[in-house]
Amino acid sequence: MKTFLKENWYKLMIGSSMIMTSFGFMIYAISPSYANNNISKQNIDQNIGGKDWNQYDFLIDDKNQIWYHDKNSNKRDWYYLKTVKN
């Protein structure tokens, strides 16, 4: 073992630096992945259905459909509101 390390230390150093570089590149490539949703900050029409929309949370999915649920309710069921065009 001692002679193996003495003769091949540079191969071990190169291999370990290559594996650390590959992990670093993988983390760098994966971490900035975010969803692209251009209409998420669009104002919701306050007159739809005659409800007070301030007490509801909204969600816009990848098909541009708006879903809502009551902030004060224990249930976390989402209800369909409408589809938004870009």
Protein backbone atom coordinates (compact mmCIF):
# COMPACT_ATOMS: atom_id res chain seq x y z
CA MET A 1 0.00 0.00 0.00
CA LYS A 2 2.83 2.35 0.86
CA THR A 3 4.54 1.80 -2.46
CA PHE A 4 1.24 2.17 -4.33
CA LEU A 5 0.68 5.62 -2.78
CA LYS A 6 4.30 6.56 -3.37
CA GLU A 7 4.11 5.66 -7.07
CA ASN A 8 0.55 6.79 -7.87
CA TRP A 9 -0.07 9.83 -5.66
CA TYR A 10 -0.49 12.14 -8.66
CA LYS A 11 -3.20 9.88 -10.15
CA LEU A 12 -5.09 9.97 -6.86
CA MET A 13 -4.79 13.78 -6.67
CA ILE A 14 -5.97 14.25 -10.25
CA GLY A 15 -8.87 11.81 -9.78
CA SER A 16 -10.04 13.42 -6.53
CA SER A 17 -9.83 16.93 -8.02
CA MET A 18 -11.81 15.77 -11.07
CA ILE A 19 -14.58 14.30 -8.90
CA MET A 20 -14.77 17.45 -6.77
CA THR A 21 -14.95 19.57 -9.93
CA SER A 22 -17.74 17.42 -11.34
CA PHE A 23 -19.76 17.77 -8.11
CA GLY A 24 -19.20 21.52 -8.13
CA PHE A 25 -20.33 21.81 -11.73
CA MET A 26 -23.41 19.67 -11.02
CA ILE A 27 -24.43 21.93 -8.11
CA TYR A 28 -23.74 25.04 -10.20
CA ALA A 29 -25.84 23.71 -13.09
CA ILE A 30 -28.80 22.55 -11.00
CA SER A 31 -29.19 25.33 -8.41
CA PRO A 32 -30.35 28.22 -10.68
CA SER A 33 -33.26 26.22 -12.09
CA TYR A 34 -36.46 28.16 -11.42
CA ALA A 35 -39.98 28.04 -12.80
CA ASN A 36 -40.74 30.65 -15.42
CA ASN A 37 -44.17 32.10 -14.74
CA ASN A 38 -44.65 35.52 -16.30
CA ILE A 39 -48.24 36.07 -15.16
CA SER A 40 -47.86 35.19 -11.46
CA LYS A 41 -48.08 38.87 -10.41
CA GLN A 42 -51.05 39.72 -12.55
CA ASN A 43 -53.89 41.50 -10.75
CA ILE A 44 -56.96 39.35 -10.17
CA ASP A 45 -60.27 40.96 -11.12
CA GLN A 46 -61.93 41.90 -7.82
CA ASN A 47 -65.46 41.56 -9.19
CA ILE A 48 -65.42 37.88 -10.19
CA GLY A 49 -68.16 36.03 -8.33
CA GLY A 50 -68.86 38.90 -5.93
CA LYS A 51 -66.37 37.64 -3.32
CA ASP A 52 -63.95 39.62 -1.19
CA TRP A 53 -60.74 38.33 -2.81
CA ASN A 54 -58.48 39.71 -0.07
CA GLN A 55 -59.20 36.67 2.11
CA TYR A 56 -58.06 34.16 -0.54
CA ASP A 57 -54.69 32.82 -1.67
CA PHE A 58 -54.11 32.37 -5.39
CA LEU A 59 -52.07 29.91 -7.42
CA ILE A 60 -51.33 30.03 -11.15
CA ASP A 61 -50.27 26.72 -12.67
CA ASP A 62 -48.28 25.93 -15.81
CA LYS A 63 -51.46 25.94 -17.94
CA ASN A 64 -52.21 29.56 -16.86
CA GLN A 65 -55.18 28.45 -14.77
CA ILE A 66 -55.93 30.42 -11.60
CA TRP A 67 -56.80 28.43 -8.46
CA TYR A 68 -57.83 29.86 -5.08
CA HIS A 69 -58.55 28.81 -1.51
CA ASP A 70 -59.68 30.52 1.68
CA LYS A 71 -56.82 31.72 3.92
CA ASN A 72 -58.83 31.15 7.09
CA SER A 73 -60.09 27.68 6.28
CA ASN A 74 -58.51 24.54 7.71
CA LYS A 75 -59.10 22.84 4.37
CA ARG A 76 -56.39 23.35 1.79
CA ASP A 77 -58.55 22.45 -1.22
CA TRP A 78 -57.85 24.56 -4.31
CA TYR A 79 -60.80 25.67 -6.45
CA TYR A 80 -60.62 26.60 -10.12
CA LEU A 81 -61.32 30.25 -10.93
CA LYS A 82 -60.46 30.86 -14.59
CA THR A 83 -57.80 30.53 -17.30
CA VAL A 84 -55.65 33.56 -18.09
CA LYS A 85 -54.35 34.34 -21.57
CA ASN A 86 -50.82 35.69 -21.99
